């Protein structure tokens, strides 16, 4: 498990604060807060799910191919896998709720990826 330095801590806190602020001012507010937290956690977990695929893709095609083709395709698919399950909850009614959940999954992935 990586140790968070001051820079990593700041780079983690600021996106999370901004994400929950956007979620709170959105239509869902408190109703979607739990779903936003789940989406952030999924985004963080997705980095570990994608890692073996990226490593095997890099071994087969090279690191440049992973950066250009493999990584983005695999990462976006894995980040989005949780969204249908969150969307069927009775807390998501509007398009903006889904957009915020997608933002949350992406934020979680970016935070974990940058540690």
Foldseek 3Di string as FASTA:
>chain_A
DDDDDPVLVVLLVVLVVVLLVLVLVDPLHPLCPVLLVVLLVQLLVLVVVCVVVLVVCCVVPNNVCCVPPVVVVSSLVSSCPCLVVSCPDPRHDDPVSSVSSSVSSNSSNVSNVVD
